[in-house]
């Protein structure tokens, strides 16, 4: 599949990722937020939008490109293992958030998730399984790493994952780039 054939599929995947990572959780959150007596987090923050909306979508596109470059045969045992690891990574991330006593829009009180949080658990499991599948294939056949586009895709995935982890830092200072400010405070 050449670049011109990939573009419509990439745009579709990006739109589906935005729908999954932003619109559905926000719709769940704002619907619940509008209820009388709801005492949840006051809103989402810029870090969450950048992480879930932008970086996760781009990482998904790069993982899809990596799968196109590898051209694997889909085997049930490999898919099952990838999704099991995805599930375990989701559990560890949510336990980490709970232990750190974060109060975010998917978890208004530590250890208490709202409907958006439960959607996040399902979504994160599926996305992490999708990301671990090419990693599993590369682990099984390290000679795939000799391909230039595989190396480039992996480099970009690690770069975006590093930015994702940087956004997770919940320090007291805001990050500024010109007039744009990335803050951990709710909107």
N, C-alpha and C. Protein backbone atom coordinates (compact mmCIF):
# COMPACT_ATOMS: atom_id res chain seq x y z
N UNK A 1 0.86 -1.17 0.00
CA UNK A 1 0.00 0.00 0.00
C UNK A 1 0.90 1.23 0.00
N UNK A 2 0.76 2.09 -1.01
CA UNK A 2 1.61 3.27 -1.07
C UNK A 2 0.98 4.42 -0.28
N UNK A 3 1.71 5.52 -0.22
CA UNK A 3 1.31 6.65 0.63
C UNK A 3 -0.04 7.23 0.25
N UNK A 4 -0.32 7.34 -1.05
CA UNK A 4 -1.59 7.93 -1.48
C UNK A 4 -2.79 7.05 -1.11
N UNK A 5 -2.57 5.74 -1.03
CA UNK A 5 -3.65 4.84 -0.61
C UNK A 5 -3.83 4.83 0.90
N UNK A 6 -2.77 5.14 1.65
CA UNK A 6 -2.84 5.15 3.10
C UNK A 6 -3.56 6.39 3.64
N UNK A 7 -3.46 7.52 2.96
CA UNK A 7 -3.97 8.78 3.49
C UNK A 7 -5.45 8.72 3.88
N UNK A 8 -6.37 8.24 3.03
CA UNK A 8 -7.77 8.19 3.48
C UNK A 8 -7.97 7.30 4.71
N UNK A 9 -7.26 6.18 4.77
CA UNK A 9 -7.37 5.30 5.92
C UNK A 9 -6.82 5.98 7.17
N UNK A 10 -5.70 6.67 7.03
CA UNK A 10 -5.12 7.38 8.17
C UNK A 10 -6.07 8.46 8.67
N UNK A 11 -6.70 9.19 7.76
CA UNK A 11 -7.65 10.22 8.18
C UNK A 11 -8.85 9.61 8.89
N UNK A 12 -9.31 8.46 8.41
CA UNK A 12 -10.41 7.77 9.07
C UNK A 12 -10.00 7.33 10.47
N UNK A 13 -8.82 6.74 10.60
CA UNK A 13 -8.34 6.29 11.91
C UNK A 13 -8.16 7.48 12.85
N UNK A 14 -7.63 8.59 12.35
CA UNK A 14 -7.48 9.78 13.18
C UNK A 14 -8.83 10.29 13.66
N UNK A 15 -9.82 10.33 12.79
CA UNK A 15 -11.16 10.77 13.18
C UNK A 15 -11.78 9.81 14.20
N UNK A 16 -11.62 8.50 13.99
CA UNK A 16 -12.14 7.53 14.95
C UNK A 16 -11.43 7.65 16.29
N UNK A 17 -10.14 7.92 16.25
CA UNK A 17 -9.38 8.09 17.49
C UNK A 17 -9.85 9.34 18.23
N UNK A 18 -10.08 10.42 17.50
CA UNK A 18 -10.60 11.64 18.14
C UNK A 18 -11.98 11.39 18.73
N UNK A 19 -12.82 10.68 18.00
CA UNK A 19 -14.15 10.35 18.50
C UNK A 19 -14.05 9.52 19.77
N UNK A 20 -13.21 8.51 19.74
CA UNK A 20 -13.04 7.63 20.89
C UNK A 20 -12.40 8.35 22.07
N UNK A 21 -11.35 9.10 21.83
CA UNK A 21 -10.56 9.68 22.91
C UNK A 21 -11.08 11.01 23.43
N UNK A 22 -11.86 11.71 22.64
CA UNK A 22 -12.33 13.03 23.09
C UNK A 22 -13.84 13.14 23.17
N UNK A 23 -14.51 12.93 22.06
CA UNK A 23 -15.92 13.25 21.99
C UNK A 23 -16.79 12.35 22.86
N UNK A 24 -16.57 11.05 22.81
CA UNK A 24 -17.40 10.15 23.62
C UNK A 24 -17.17 10.37 25.11
N UNK A 25 -15.92 10.41 25.60
CA UNK A 25 -15.74 10.67 27.04
C UNK A 25 -16.26 12.04 27.46
N UNK A 26 -16.06 13.08 26.64
CA UNK A 26 -16.55 14.40 27.00
C UNK A 26 -18.07 14.42 27.05
N UNK A 27 -18.72 13.73 26.10
CA UNK A 27 -20.18 13.68 26.11
C UNK A 27 -20.68 12.98 27.37
N UNK A 28 -20.03 11.90 27.75
CA UNK A 28 -20.40 11.21 28.99
C UNK A 28 -20.17 12.14 30.18
N UNK A 29 -19.02 12.81 30.20
CA UNK A 29 -18.68 13.67 31.32
C UNK A 29 -19.66 14.84 31.43
N UNK A 30 -19.90 15.55 30.34
CA UNK A 30 -20.74 16.73 30.41
C UNK A 30 -22.20 16.37 30.67
N UNK A 31 -22.63 15.22 30.22
CA UNK A 31 -23.98 14.78 30.53
C UNK A 31 -24.12 14.54 32.03
N UNK A 32 -23.12 13.90 32.62
CA UNK A 32 -23.16 13.65 34.05
C UNK A 32 -22.94 14.95 34.83
N UNK A 33 -22.08 15.82 34.32
CA UNK A 33 -21.77 17.08 35.00
C UNK A 33 -23.00 17.96 35.13
N UNK A 34 -23.91 17.87 34.16
CA UNK A 34 -25.11 18.70 34.17
C UNK A 34 -26.16 18.25 35.18
N UNK A 35 -25.99 17.08 35.77
CA UNK A 35 -26.97 16.59 36.74
C UNK A 35 -26.91 17.39 38.03
N UNK A 36 -28.06 17.57 38.64
CA UNK A 36 -28.13 18.28 39.90
C UNK A 36 -27.47 17.44 40.99
N UNK A 37 -26.65 18.09 41.78
CA UNK A 37 -25.99 17.41 42.88
C UNK A 37 -24.72 16.67 42.50
N UNK A 38 -24.30 16.72 41.22
CA UNK A 38 -23.07 16.03 40.83
C UNK A 38 -21.88 16.83 41.32
N UNK A 39 -20.97 16.17 42.02
CA UNK A 39 -19.80 16.86 42.57
C UNK A 39 -18.53 16.30 41.96
N UNK A 40 -18.40 16.41 40.68
CA UNK A 40 -17.23 15.88 40.00
C UNK A 40 -16.18 16.94 39.80
N UNK A 41 -15.15 16.57 39.12
CA UNK A 41 -14.09 17.51 38.77
C UNK A 41 -14.68 18.62 37.91
N UNK A 42 -14.20 19.81 38.04
CA UNK A 42 -14.77 20.96 37.36
C UNK A 42 -14.58 20.98 35.86
N UNK A 43 -13.83 20.11 35.31
CA UNK A 43 -13.64 20.10 33.88
C UNK A 43 -12.41 19.29 33.50
N UNK A 44 -12.15 19.23 32.23
CA UNK A 44 -10.97 18.53 31.74
C UNK A 44 -9.81 19.52 31.74
N UNK A 45 -8.60 19.04 31.60
CA UNK A 45 -7.49 19.97 31.51
C UNK A 45 -6.79 19.84 30.17
N UNK A 46 -5.97 20.82 29.88
CA UNK A 46 -5.30 20.86 28.58
C UNK A 46 -4.40 19.65 28.37
N UNK A 47 -3.76 19.17 29.44
CA UNK A 47 -2.91 17.99 29.31
C UNK A 47 -3.70 16.78 28.85
N UNK A 48 -4.91 16.61 29.38
CA UNK A 48 -5.74 15.49 28.98
C UNK A 48 -6.15 15.57 27.52
N UNK A 49 -6.48 16.77 27.06
CA UNK A 49 -6.86 16.95 25.66
C UNK A 49 -5.67 16.65 24.75
N UNK A 50 -4.51 17.15 25.12
CA UNK A 50 -3.32 16.90 24.29
C UNK A 50 -2.96 15.42 24.31
N UNK A 51 -3.02 14.80 25.49
CA UNK A 51 -2.65 13.39 25.59
C UNK A 51 -3.65 12.51 24.86
N UNK A 52 -4.93 12.60 25.24
CA UNK A 52 -5.93 11.69 24.70
C UNK A 52 -6.35 12.04 23.28
N UNK A 53 -6.45 13.31 22.98
CA UNK A 53 -6.93 13.70 21.66
C UNK A 53 -5.86 13.71 20.60
N UNK A 54 -4.74 14.34 20.88
CA UNK A 54 -3.72 14.54 19.86
C UNK A 54 -2.68 13.42 19.86
N UNK A 55 -1.99 13.24 20.98
CA UNK A 55 -0.89 12.28 21.01
C UNK A 55 -1.36 10.84 20.82
N UNK A 56 -2.45 10.45 21.48
CA UNK A 56 -2.95 9.07 21.32
C UNK A 56 -3.36 8.82 19.88
N UNK A 57 -4.00 9.80 19.24
CA UNK A 57 -4.38 9.65 17.83
C UNK A 57 -3.18 9.49 16.92
N UNK A 58 -2.16 10.29 17.13
CA UNK A 58 -0.95 10.19 16.31
C UNK A 58 -0.21 8.88 16.55
N UNK A 59 -0.17 8.43 17.80
CA UNK A 59 0.47 7.15 18.10
C UNK A 59 -0.29 6.02 17.43
N UNK A 60 -1.63 6.08 17.43
CA UNK A 60 -2.43 5.07 16.74
C UNK A 60 -2.10 5.03 15.25
N UNK A 61 -1.97 6.20 14.64
CA UNK A 61 -1.63 6.25 13.21
C UNK A 61 -0.26 5.65 12.94
N UNK A 62 0.69 5.94 13.79
CA UNK A 62 2.03 5.39 13.60
C UNK A 62 2.04 3.88 13.80
N UNK A 63 1.25 3.38 14.76
CA UNK A 63 1.16 1.93 14.96
C UNK A 63 0.52 1.27 13.74
N UNK A 64 -0.49 1.91 13.16
CA UNK A 64 -1.11 1.38 11.95
C UNK A 64 -0.10 1.36 10.80
N UNK A 65 0.67 2.42 10.66
CA UNK A 65 1.70 2.46 9.62
C UNK A 65 2.74 1.37 9.86
N UNK A 66 3.09 1.14 11.12
CA UNK A 66 4.04 0.08 11.45
C UNK A 66 3.49 -1.28 11.04
N UNK A 67 2.20 -1.50 11.28
CA UNK A 67 1.59 -2.77 10.86
C UNK A 67 1.58 -2.90 9.34
N UNK A 68 1.35 -1.80 8.62
CA UNK A 68 1.42 -1.86 7.15
C UNK A 68 2.82 -2.22 6.69
N UNK A 69 3.82 -1.67 7.35
CA UNK A 69 5.21 -1.95 6.97
C UNK A 69 5.59 -3.40 7.27
N UNK A 70 5.09 -3.93 8.39
CA UNK A 70 5.42 -5.31 8.76
C UNK A 70 4.63 -6.31 7.92
N UNK A 71 3.35 -6.01 7.67
CA UNK A 71 2.49 -6.90 6.91
C UNK A 71 2.29 -8.25 7.57
N UNK A 72 1.78 -8.27 8.82
CA UNK A 72 1.70 -9.54 9.54
C UNK A 72 0.52 -10.41 9.14
N UNK A 73 0.64 -11.69 9.45
CA UNK A 73 -0.52 -12.59 9.44
C UNK A 73 -1.12 -12.48 10.83
N UNK A 74 -2.41 -12.30 10.90
CA UNK A 74 -3.07 -12.18 12.19
C UNK A 74 -3.24 -13.55 12.81
N UNK A 75 -2.64 -13.74 13.97
CA UNK A 75 -2.77 -14.99 14.71
C UNK A 75 -3.50 -14.70 16.02
N UNK A 76 -4.48 -15.53 16.34
CA UNK A 76 -5.30 -15.30 17.52
C UNK A 76 -4.46 -15.26 18.79
N UNK A 77 -3.48 -16.15 18.92
CA UNK A 77 -2.70 -16.19 20.16
C UNK A 77 -1.89 -14.90 20.34
N UNK A 78 -1.37 -14.36 19.23
CA UNK A 78 -0.63 -13.10 19.32
C UNK A 78 -1.55 -11.94 19.69
N UNK A 79 -2.74 -11.90 19.07
CA UNK A 79 -3.71 -10.85 19.40
C UNK A 79 -4.16 -10.97 20.86
N UNK A 80 -4.43 -12.19 21.30
CA UNK A 80 -4.87 -12.39 22.69
C UNK A 80 -3.78 -11.94 23.67
N UNK A 81 -2.54 -12.27 23.39
CA UNK A 81 -1.44 -11.86 24.27
C UNK A 81 -1.30 -10.34 24.28
N UNK A 82 -1.39 -9.72 23.11
CA UNK A 82 -1.27 -8.26 23.04
C UNK A 82 -2.38 -7.58 23.83
N UNK A 83 -3.60 -8.08 23.72
CA UNK A 83 -4.70 -7.47 24.46
C UNK A 83 -4.65 -7.78 25.94
N UNK A 84 -4.09 -8.92 26.32
CA UNK A 84 -3.88 -9.21 27.74
C UNK A 84 -2.87 -8.22 28.34
N UNK A 85 -1.78 -7.97 27.62
CA UNK A 85 -0.80 -6.99 28.08
C UNK A 85 -1.41 -5.59 28.10
N UNK A 86 -2.27 -5.28 27.10
CA UNK A 86 -2.97 -4.01 27.09
C UNK A 86 -3.88 -3.86 28.30
N UNK A 87 -4.57 -4.93 28.67
CA UNK A 87 -5.44 -4.90 29.85
C UNK A 87 -4.61 -4.68 31.11
N UNK A 88 -3.49 -5.38 31.23
CA UNK A 88 -2.64 -5.23 32.41
C UNK A 88 -2.05 -3.82 32.50
N UNK A 89 -1.71 -3.23 31.37
CA UNK A 89 -1.19 -1.86 31.40
C UNK A 89 -2.29 -0.87 31.79
N UNK A 90 -3.53 -1.12 31.36
CA UNK A 90 -4.65 -0.27 31.76
C UNK A 90 -4.88 -0.37 33.26
N UNK A 91 -4.87 -1.59 33.79
CA UNK A 91 -5.08 -1.77 35.23
C UNK A 91 -3.99 -1.06 36.01
N UNK A 92 -2.75 -1.23 35.60
CA UNK A 92 -1.65 -0.59 36.33
C UNK A 92 -1.74 0.93 36.25
N UNK A 93 -2.15 1.48 35.10
CA UNK A 93 -2.28 2.94 34.97
C UNK A 93 -3.39 3.46 35.88
N UNK A 94 -4.51 2.77 35.94
CA UNK A 94 -5.62 3.24 36.77
C UNK A 94 -5.34 3.04 38.26
N UNK A 95 -4.63 1.99 38.61
CA UNK A 95 -4.22 1.82 40.01
C UNK A 95 -3.24 2.93 40.39
N UNK A 96 -2.31 3.25 39.49
CA UNK A 96 -1.36 4.34 39.72
C UNK A 96 -2.09 5.65 39.96
N UNK A 97 -3.08 5.96 39.11
CA UNK A 97 -3.84 7.20 39.27
C UNK A 97 -4.56 7.21 40.61
N UNK A 98 -5.12 6.08 40.99
CA UNK A 98 -5.86 6.00 42.25
C UNK A 98 -4.92 6.14 43.45
N UNK A 99 -3.78 5.46 43.39
CA UNK A 99 -2.82 5.54 44.50
C UNK A 99 -2.23 6.94 44.64
N UNK A 100 -2.06 7.61 43.52
CA UNK A 100 -1.54 8.99 43.56
C UNK A 100 -2.62 9.99 43.95
N UNK A 101 -3.85 9.48 44.13
CA UNK A 101 -5.00 10.27 44.56
C UNK A 101 -5.31 11.41 43.60
N UNK A 102 -5.20 11.12 42.32
CA UNK A 102 -5.52 12.12 41.31
C UNK A 102 -7.02 12.38 41.31
N UNK A 103 -7.37 13.58 41.02
CA UNK A 103 -8.77 13.96 40.81
C UNK A 103 -8.85 14.54 39.40
N UNK A 104 -9.26 13.70 38.47
CA UNK A 104 -9.36 14.10 37.07
C UNK A 104 -10.79 13.85 36.61
N UNK A 105 -11.11 14.29 35.43
CA UNK A 105 -12.50 14.25 34.99
C UNK A 105 -13.04 12.84 34.83
N UNK A 106 -12.19 11.83 34.66
CA UNK A 106 -12.66 10.45 34.59
C UNK A 106 -12.70 9.80 35.97
N UNK A 107 -12.06 10.45 36.94
CA UNK A 107 -12.02 9.95 38.32
C UNK A 107 -12.16 11.16 39.24
N UNK A 108 -13.42 11.61 39.47
CA UNK A 108 -13.63 12.83 40.25
C UNK A 108 -13.10 12.75 41.68
N UNK A 109 -13.12 11.55 42.26
CA UNK A 109 -12.54 11.33 43.58
C UNK A 109 -11.60 10.12 43.45
N UNK A 110 -10.51 10.11 44.18
CA UNK A 110 -9.56 9.00 44.05
C UNK A 110 -10.25 7.64 44.23
N UNK A 111 -10.05 6.78 43.24
CA UNK A 111 -10.61 5.44 43.27
C UNK A 111 -12.08 5.36 42.90
N UNK A 112 -12.69 6.46 42.49
CA UNK A 112 -14.10 6.50 42.12
C UNK A 112 -14.21 7.01 40.69
N UNK A 113 -14.44 6.11 39.76
CA UNK A 113 -14.53 6.48 38.37
C UNK A 113 -15.97 6.76 37.97
N UNK A 114 -16.14 7.71 37.07
CA UNK A 114 -17.46 7.97 36.52
C UNK A 114 -17.61 7.18 35.22
N UNK A 115 -18.70 7.40 34.49
CA UNK A 115 -18.93 6.65 33.25
C UNK A 115 -17.83 6.91 32.23
N UNK A 116 -17.35 8.14 32.18
CA UNK A 116 -16.23 8.44 31.29
C UNK A 116 -14.98 7.66 31.68
N UNK A 117 -14.79 7.44 32.96
CA UNK A 117 -13.64 6.65 33.43
C UNK A 117 -13.75 5.19 33.02
N UNK A 118 -14.96 4.65 33.09
CA UNK A 118 -15.14 3.27 32.66
C UNK A 118 -14.94 3.14 31.15
N UNK A 119 -15.39 4.14 30.40
CA UNK A 119 -15.12 4.14 28.96
C UNK A 119 -13.62 4.20 28.72
N UNK A 120 -12.92 5.01 29.51
CA UNK A 120 -11.48 5.14 29.38
C UNK A 120 -10.79 3.80 29.61
N UNK A 121 -11.29 3.02 30.55
CA UNK A 121 -10.70 1.71 30.82
C UNK A 121 -10.83 0.78 29.61
N UNK A 122 -12.01 0.74 29.02
CA UNK A 122 -12.22 -0.11 27.84
C UNK A 122 -11.37 0.40 26.67
N UNK A 123 -11.43 1.70 26.44
CA UNK A 123 -10.70 2.30 25.33
C UNK A 123 -9.20 2.11 25.48
N UNK A 124 -8.69 2.32 26.68
CA UNK A 124 -7.24 2.19 26.90
C UNK A 124 -6.79 0.74 26.70
N UNK A 125 -7.61 -0.21 27.15
CA UNK A 125 -7.27 -1.62 26.94
C UNK A 125 -7.16 -1.92 25.45
N UNK A 126 -8.13 -1.47 24.66
CA UNK A 126 -8.11 -1.74 23.23
C UNK A 126 -6.94 -1.05 22.54
N UNK A 127 -6.69 0.22 22.90
CA UNK A 127 -5.60 0.94 22.26
C UNK A 127 -4.24 0.39 22.64
N UNK A 128 -4.07 0.02 23.91
CA UNK A 128 -2.78 -0.54 24.32
C UNK A 128 -2.56 -1.91 23.70
N UNK A 129 -3.63 -2.70 23.57
CA UNK A 129 -3.51 -3.98 22.87
C UNK A 129 -3.10 -3.77 21.42
N UNK A 130 -3.69 -2.75 20.79
CA UNK A 130 -3.34 -2.41 19.41
C UNK A 130 -1.87 -2.00 19.31
N UNK A 131 -1.36 -1.29 20.32
CA UNK A 131 0.04 -0.87 20.31
C UNK A 131 1.00 -2.02 20.64
N UNK A 132 0.57 -2.91 21.51
CA UNK A 132 1.45 -4.02 21.88
C UNK A 132 1.53 -5.09 20.80
N UNK A 133 0.55 -5.13 19.89
CA UNK A 133 0.58 -6.15 18.84
C UNK A 133 1.81 -5.99 17.93
N UNK A 134 2.07 -4.79 17.37
CA UNK A 134 3.30 -4.69 16.56
C UNK A 134 4.57 -4.88 17.39
N UNK A 135 4.54 -4.50 18.67
CA UNK A 135 5.71 -4.72 19.52
C UNK A 135 5.97 -6.21 19.68
N UNK A 136 4.91 -6.98 19.84
CA UNK A 136 5.04 -8.43 19.95
C UNK A 136 5.60 -9.03 18.65
N UNK A 137 5.12 -8.53 17.52
CA UNK A 137 5.62 -9.02 16.23
C UNK A 137 7.10 -8.71 16.05
N UNK A 138 7.51 -7.50 16.47
CA UNK A 138 8.92 -7.13 16.37
C UNK A 138 9.77 -7.96 17.32
N UNK A 139 9.24 -8.30 18.47
CA UNK A 139 9.95 -9.14 19.42
C UNK A 139 10.14 -10.54 18.86
N UNK A 140 9.12 -11.06 18.15
CA UNK A 140 9.20 -12.40 17.57
C UNK A 140 10.13 -12.45 16.37
N UNK A 141 10.22 -11.36 15.62
CA UNK A 141 11.07 -11.33 14.43
C UNK A 141 11.90 -10.04 14.43
N UNK A 142 13.03 -10.02 15.15
CA UNK A 142 13.83 -8.79 15.26
C UNK A 142 14.40 -8.30 13.93
N UNK A 143 14.43 -9.17 12.90
CA UNK A 143 14.96 -8.74 11.61
C UNK A 143 14.06 -7.70 10.95
N UNK A 144 12.83 -7.58 11.41
CA UNK A 144 11.94 -6.53 10.89
C UNK A 144 12.45 -5.14 11.22
N UNK A 145 13.29 -5.05 12.25
CA UNK A 145 13.85 -3.75 12.65
C UNK A 145 14.85 -3.20 11.64
N UNK A 146 15.26 -4.01 10.68
CA UNK A 146 16.21 -3.55 9.67
C UNK A 146 15.55 -2.66 8.63
N UNK A 147 14.23 -2.68 8.54
CA UNK A 147 13.53 -1.85 7.57
C UNK A 147 13.52 -0.39 8.03
N UNK A 148 13.80 0.50 7.10
CA UNK A 148 13.89 1.93 7.41
C UNK A 148 12.59 2.52 7.93
N UNK A 149 11.46 2.20 7.30
CA UNK A 149 10.19 2.76 7.73
C UNK A 149 9.76 2.20 9.09
N UNK A 150 10.15 0.99 9.40
CA UNK A 150 9.86 0.42 10.72
C UNK A 150 10.64 1.20 11.78
N UNK A 151 11.90 1.49 11.50
CA UNK A 151 12.72 2.25 12.44
C UNK A 151 12.16 3.66 12.64
N UNK A 152 11.76 4.30 11.54
CA UNK A 152 11.20 5.65 11.63
C UNK A 152 9.89 5.65 12.41
N UNK A 153 9.03 4.70 12.14
CA UNK A 153 7.75 4.61 12.86
C UNK A 153 8.00 4.39 14.35
N UNK A 154 8.92 3.50 14.69
CA UNK A 154 9.23 3.24 16.10
C UNK A 154 9.81 4.48 16.78
N UNK A 155 10.70 5.17 16.10
CA UNK A 155 11.28 6.39 16.66
C UNK A 155 10.18 7.41 16.97
N UNK A 156 9.27 7.62 16.03
CA UNK A 156 8.20 8.59 16.24
C UNK A 156 7.23 8.15 17.33
N UNK A 157 6.95 6.84 17.39
CA UNK A 157 6.08 6.33 18.47
C UNK A 157 6.73 6.60 19.83
N UNK A 158 8.02 6.30 19.96
CA UNK A 158 8.70 6.54 21.23
C UNK A 158 8.77 8.03 21.56
N UNK A 159 8.96 8.86 20.56
CA UNK A 159 8.99 10.31 20.78
C UNK A 159 7.63 10.81 21.30
N UNK A 160 6.55 10.40 20.64
CA UNK A 160 5.22 10.81 21.08
C UNK A 160 4.85 10.20 22.43
N UNK A 161 5.27 8.96 22.67
CA UNK A 161 5.02 8.35 23.97
C UNK A 161 5.77 9.10 25.07
N UNK A 162 6.97 9.58 24.76
CA UNK A 162 7.71 10.40 25.72
C UNK A 162 6.98 11.70 26.03
N UNK A 163 6.43 12.34 25.00
CA UNK A 163 5.63 13.55 25.22
C UNK A 163 4.38 13.23 26.03
N UNK A 164 3.77 12.08 25.76
CA UNK A 164 2.60 11.64 26.51
C UNK A 164 2.95 11.52 27.99
N UNK A 165 4.08 10.87 28.29
CA UNK A 165 4.50 10.71 29.68
C UNK A 165 4.86 12.05 30.31
N UNK A 166 5.42 12.95 29.52
CA UNK A 166 5.72 14.29 30.02
C UNK A 166 4.45 15.02 30.43
N UNK A 167 3.38 14.82 29.67
CA UNK A 167 2.10 15.43 30.02
C UNK A 167 1.53 14.84 31.31
N UNK A 168 1.90 13.61 31.62
CA UNK A 168 1.41 12.98 32.84
C UNK A 168 2.03 13.57 34.10
N UNK A 169 3.17 14.21 33.94
CA UNK A 169 3.80 14.82 35.11
C UNK A 169 2.83 15.81 35.70
N UNK A 170 2.56 15.67 36.93
CA UNK A 170 1.57 16.52 37.56
C UNK A 170 2.26 17.47 38.53
N UNK A 171 3.17 18.24 37.99
CA UNK A 171 3.88 19.20 38.82
C UNK A 171 3.05 20.45 39.07
N UNK A 172 3.61 21.34 39.83
CA UNK A 172 2.91 22.57 40.18
C UNK A 172 3.10 23.67 39.16
N UNK A 173 4.07 23.51 38.30
CA UNK A 173 4.30 24.59 37.34
C UNK A 173 3.61 24.30 36.02
N UNK A 174 3.24 25.37 35.35
CA UNK A 174 2.63 25.26 34.03
C UNK A 174 3.73 25.31 32.98
N UNK A 175 3.48 24.71 31.83
CA UNK A 175 4.41 24.77 30.72
C UNK A 175 3.87 25.76 29.71
N UNK A 176 4.70 26.70 29.30
CA UNK A 176 4.27 27.72 28.35
C UNK A 176 5.06 27.62 27.06
N UNK A 177 4.32 27.72 25.96
CA UNK A 177 4.92 27.82 24.64
C UNK A 177 4.23 29.01 23.99
N UNK A 178 4.91 30.15 23.99
CA UNK A 178 4.27 31.38 23.49
C UNK A 178 3.07 31.73 24.36
N UNK A 179 1.92 31.90 23.73
CA UNK A 179 0.70 32.22 24.47
C UNK A 179 -0.02 30.98 24.98
N UNK A 180 0.39 29.81 24.51
CA UNK A 180 -0.27 28.57 24.90
C UNK A 180 0.30 28.11 26.23
N UNK A 181 -0.59 27.74 27.14
CA UNK A 181 -0.17 27.28 28.45
C UNK A 181 -0.76 25.90 28.70
N UNK A 182 0.09 24.94 29.05
CA UNK A 182 -0.34 23.59 29.41
C UNK A 182 -0.36 23.53 30.92
N UNK A 183 -1.57 23.38 31.47
CA UNK A 183 -1.74 23.41 32.91
C UNK A 183 -2.43 22.16 33.39
N UNK A 184 -2.13 21.74 34.60
CA UNK A 184 -2.82 20.62 35.21
C UNK A 184 -4.12 21.02 35.86
N UNK A 185 -4.42 22.30 35.88
CA UNK A 185 -5.65 22.78 36.49
C UNK A 185 -6.83 22.52 35.58
N UNK A 186 -7.99 22.21 36.17
CA UNK A 186 -9.20 21.98 35.38
C UNK A 186 -9.67 23.29 34.76
N UNK A 187 -10.35 23.18 33.63
CA UNK A 187 -10.88 24.38 32.99
C UNK A 187 -12.06 24.91 33.73
